[in-house]
Structure formats: C-alpha cells, structure tokens
Amino acid sequence: MTSSLKARTPGYIIERTAKRLKRAFQKTLATLEADITVDQWVVLDLIQKQPGMSQQEIGVATAKDRPTVTRIIDKLEVKQLVERQPGDGDRRKFGIYPTAQGSDKVAQLMPKVEEFRLAHFEGLDDKDVQTLLRIMDKINYNISSLQSVDHALS
C-alpha cells in the first residue's frame, strides 16, 4: 500500500485526528495555565458529571487501564481537585468526587473547552456531528464485541 493510500484509511485518519486534537487541546490548557493535562481534564470532567464513580468505572468510561486511572486520580488528588471517599459497604472500593477546587476548575475551564470544541468542529452542522458520533459509537461497539469474542475463545 502506498503512503498516500495508507493516509486515507479510516484507522489512520481516526488516530491522526485524535492525536492532533489532544495535542491542540494540551496547548490550549497550557496557554490557560490550567496546570492540568488532557487526560486529567477528561477524568476531572467525568467525575464532575458523575460524582462517586469507582476507579474501575472511570477506566471503562475513559478507555484507560487501571494503573493509568490510578496515576491520574493520584495527581488530581495532590492538586486537591478530587478526593476518594469510602464506598458503601466495601472498604476496598472508593468513590471519586470533585472537591470544591475541582468543581471551580471545571467551571473556570468549561467556557474555553467549549470554544475549543466549536473552533475545531467548525463547518460541521449538528447532523454531521451526530453522524460522526453514531459512526464512532458503532466502531467502538464492534471493537468491544470482537474483544469479548476473542476473550471467550482464549
């Protein structure tokens, strides 16, 4: 396959776009002196929207492995943006909650995050975005289904 054909495959375009978006968003966060990485933002924003999630639930929701989620939460805790609270009935499980500082950080950054999203999705109408989301959800569903089959066969 020639390099120009390779550059037009869906997997290549998805990966390249994801990397470029992440790099651009990290630059935006740095410009804002937010003292937070993209991965930390993703977790903090999720916890703000769904307080009390377990680390395992956060990992599933963000497609991050357990050590990565633990490291991100540890760093957010050091920055006093989240806190672990014991779960109901199971001393081994903790719910992750935003602190007041964490909620303030999300409120402070959200307008800039929305500006970033609007700028990077310029030229796409709501129908385009919904189509993109539907297609990406289908690909993710297929990946999960195939991984389940692969796991069952091993």
Protein backbone atom coordinates (compact mmCIF):
# COMPACT_ATOMS: atom_id res chain seq x y z
CA MET A 1 0.00 0.00 0.00
CA THR A 2 1.41 3.38 -0.91
CA SER A 3 1.80 6.01 1.78
CA SER A 4 -0.91 8.19 0.18
CA LEU A 5 -3.40 5.30 0.31
CA LYS A 6 -2.41 4.44 3.87
CA ALA A 7 -3.09 8.05 4.87
CA ARG A 8 -6.68 7.70 3.65
CA THR A 9 -7.63 4.62 5.68
CA PRO A 10 -10.20 5.20 8.44
CA GLY A 11 -7.93 3.86 11.18
CA TYR A 12 -5.09 6.15 10.19
CA ILE A 13 -7.36 9.20 9.94
CA ILE A 14 -9.01 8.44 13.30
CA GLU A 15 -5.64 8.02 15.02
CA ARG A 16 -4.11 11.12 13.42
CA THR A 17 -7.15 13.24 14.24
CA ALA A 18 -7.26 12.04 17.84
CA LYS A 19 -3.56 12.79 18.34
CA ARG A 20 -3.84 16.23 16.74
CA LEU A 21 -6.91 17.13 18.82
CA LYS A 22 -5.19 16.00 22.01
CA ARG A 23 -2.02 17.97 21.17
CA ALA A 24 -4.03 21.09 20.31
CA PHE A 25 -6.10 20.81 23.50
CA GLN A 26 -2.95 20.37 25.60
CA LYS A 27 -1.59 23.59 24.07
CA THR A 28 -4.85 25.33 24.94
CA LEU A 29 -4.65 24.11 28.54
CA ALA A 30 -1.01 25.25 28.74
CA THR A 31 -1.90 28.68 27.35
CA LEU A 32 -4.60 28.98 30.01
CA GLU A 33 -2.04 27.97 32.67
CA ALA A 34 -4.60 25.41 33.80
CA ASP A 35 -1.98 23.15 35.44
CA ILE A 36 -3.81 20.10 34.14
CA THR A 37 -3.19 17.62 31.34
CA VAL A 38 -5.73 16.47 28.78
CA ASP A 39 -6.03 13.08 30.47
CA GLN A 40 -6.52 14.74 33.87
CA TRP A 41 -9.16 17.03 32.35
CA VAL A 42 -11.05 14.08 30.86
CA VAL A 43 -11.19 12.34 34.24
CA LEU A 44 -11.98 15.52 36.21
CA ASP A 45 -14.78 16.47 33.82
CA LEU A 46 -16.22 12.94 34.02
CA ILE A 47 -16.09 12.96 37.83
CA GLN A 48 -17.76 16.38 37.87
CA LYS A 49 -20.59 14.99 35.74
CA GLN A 50 -20.82 11.67 37.59
CA PRO A 51 -19.50 12.07 41.13
CA GLY A 52 -18.86 8.91 43.13
CA MET A 53 -17.69 6.73 40.25
CA SER A 54 -15.24 3.99 41.14
CA GLN A 55 -11.79 3.89 39.57
CA GLN A 56 -12.90 0.86 37.57
CA GLU A 57 -15.94 2.73 36.21
CA ILE A 58 -13.71 5.67 35.31
CA GLY A 59 -11.37 3.31 33.47
CA VAL A 60 -14.21 1.83 31.45
CA ALA A 61 -15.70 5.24 30.65
CA THR A 62 -12.35 6.68 29.52
CA ALA A 63 -10.84 3.51 27.98
CA LYS A 64 -7.84 3.78 30.30
CA ASP A 65 -6.21 0.90 32.15
CA ARG A 66 -6.21 0.62 35.93
CA PRO A 67 -2.65 1.89 36.56
CA THR A 68 -3.25 4.93 34.34
CA VAL A 69 -6.51 5.80 36.10
CA THR A 70 -4.85 5.39 39.49
CA ARG A 71 -1.97 7.67 38.45
CA ILE A 72 -4.35 10.34 37.08
CA ILE A 73 -6.51 10.28 40.21
CA ASP A 74 -3.41 10.42 42.43
CA LYS A 75 -2.23 13.54 40.58
CA LEU A 76 -5.67 15.14 40.74
CA GLU A 77 -5.75 14.38 44.47
CA VAL A 78 -2.34 16.02 45.00
CA LYS A 79 -3.71 19.09 43.19
CA GLN A 80 -6.71 18.91 45.56
CA LEU A 81 -9.16 18.65 42.66
CA VAL A 82 -10.66 15.27 43.61
CA GLU A 83 -10.95 13.10 46.69
CA ARG A 84 -11.50 9.43 47.35
CA GLN A 85 -14.35 8.58 49.69
CA PRO A 86 -15.05 5.08 51.04
CA GLY A 87 -17.78 3.19 49.21
CA ASP A 88 -20.90 1.87 50.83
CA GLY A 89 -20.29 -1.48 52.49
CA ASP A 90 -16.98 -2.30 50.77
CA ARG A 91 -13.87 -0.88 52.41
CA ARG A 92 -11.81 -1.73 49.31
CA LYS A 93 -13.88 0.45 47.00
CA PHE A 94 -13.74 4.20 46.85
CA GLY A 95 -15.93 6.70 45.08
CA ILE A 96 -14.11 9.57 43.42
CA TYR A 97 -15.61 13.03 43.99
CA PRO A 98 -14.64 16.51 42.87
CA THR A 99 -13.52 18.87 45.61
CA ALA A 100 -14.75 22.46 45.68
CA GLN A 101 -11.47 23.38 43.94
CA GLY A 102 -12.11 20.69 41.33
CA SER A 103 -15.61 21.98 40.64
CA ASP A 104 -14.23 25.51 40.40
CA LYS A 105 -11.55 24.33 37.94
CA VAL A 106 -14.19 22.71 35.71
CA ALA A 107 -16.38 25.83 35.85
CA GLN A 108 -13.36 28.02 35.06
CA LEU A 109 -12.19 25.93 32.10
CA MET A 110 -15.51 24.85 30.58
CA PRO A 111 -16.12 28.04 28.54
CA LYS A 112 -12.66 27.68 26.95
CA VAL A 113 -13.25 23.96 26.37
CA GLU A 114 -16.49 24.80 24.57
CA GLU A 115 -14.68 27.45 22.48
CA PHE A 116 -12.06 24.85 21.58
CA ARG A 117 -14.71 22.34 20.52
CA LEU A 118 -16.62 24.87 18.45
CA ALA A 119 -13.46 26.05 16.69
CA HIS A 120 -12.29 22.53 15.89
CA PHE A 121 -15.69 21.37 14.66
CA GLU A 122 -16.29 24.49 12.60
CA GLY A 123 -18.07 23.72 9.33
CA LEU A 124 -19.85 20.69 10.80
CA ASP A 125 -23.53 21.10 11.46
CA ASP A 126 -25.43 19.17 14.15
CA LYS A 127 -26.32 16.43 11.67
CA ASP A 128 -22.63 15.96 10.77
CA VAL A 129 -21.66 15.73 14.43
CA GLN A 130 -24.46 13.24 15.17
CA THR A 131 -23.36 11.13 12.19
CA LEU A 132 -19.76 11.20 13.40
CA LEU A 133 -20.84 10.17 16.90
CA ARG A 134 -23.05 7.38 15.56
CA ILE A 135 -20.22 6.00 13.42
CA MET A 136 -17.67 6.19 16.24
CA ASP A 137 -20.12 4.52 18.65
CA LYS A 138 -20.63 1.72 16.11
CA ILE A 139 -16.88 1.22 15.71
CA ASN A 140 -16.45 1.15 19.50
CA TYR A 141 -19.31 -1.34 19.81
CA ASN A 142 -17.68 -3.55 17.17
CA ILE A 143 -14.35 -3.38 18.98
CA SER A 144 -15.99 -4.36 22.29
CA SER A 145 -17.92 -7.19 20.66
CA LEU A 146 -14.84 -8.57 18.95
CA GLN A 147 -12.76 -8.31 22.13
CA SER A 148 -15.46 -10.22 24.02
CA VAL A 149 -15.39 -12.98 21.40
CA ASP A 150 -11.58 -13.05 21.40
CA HIS A 151 -11.57 -13.25 25.22
CA ALA A 152 -14.15 -16.07 25.22
CA LEU A 153 -12.07 -18.05 22.71
CA SER A 154 -8.83 -17.78 24.70
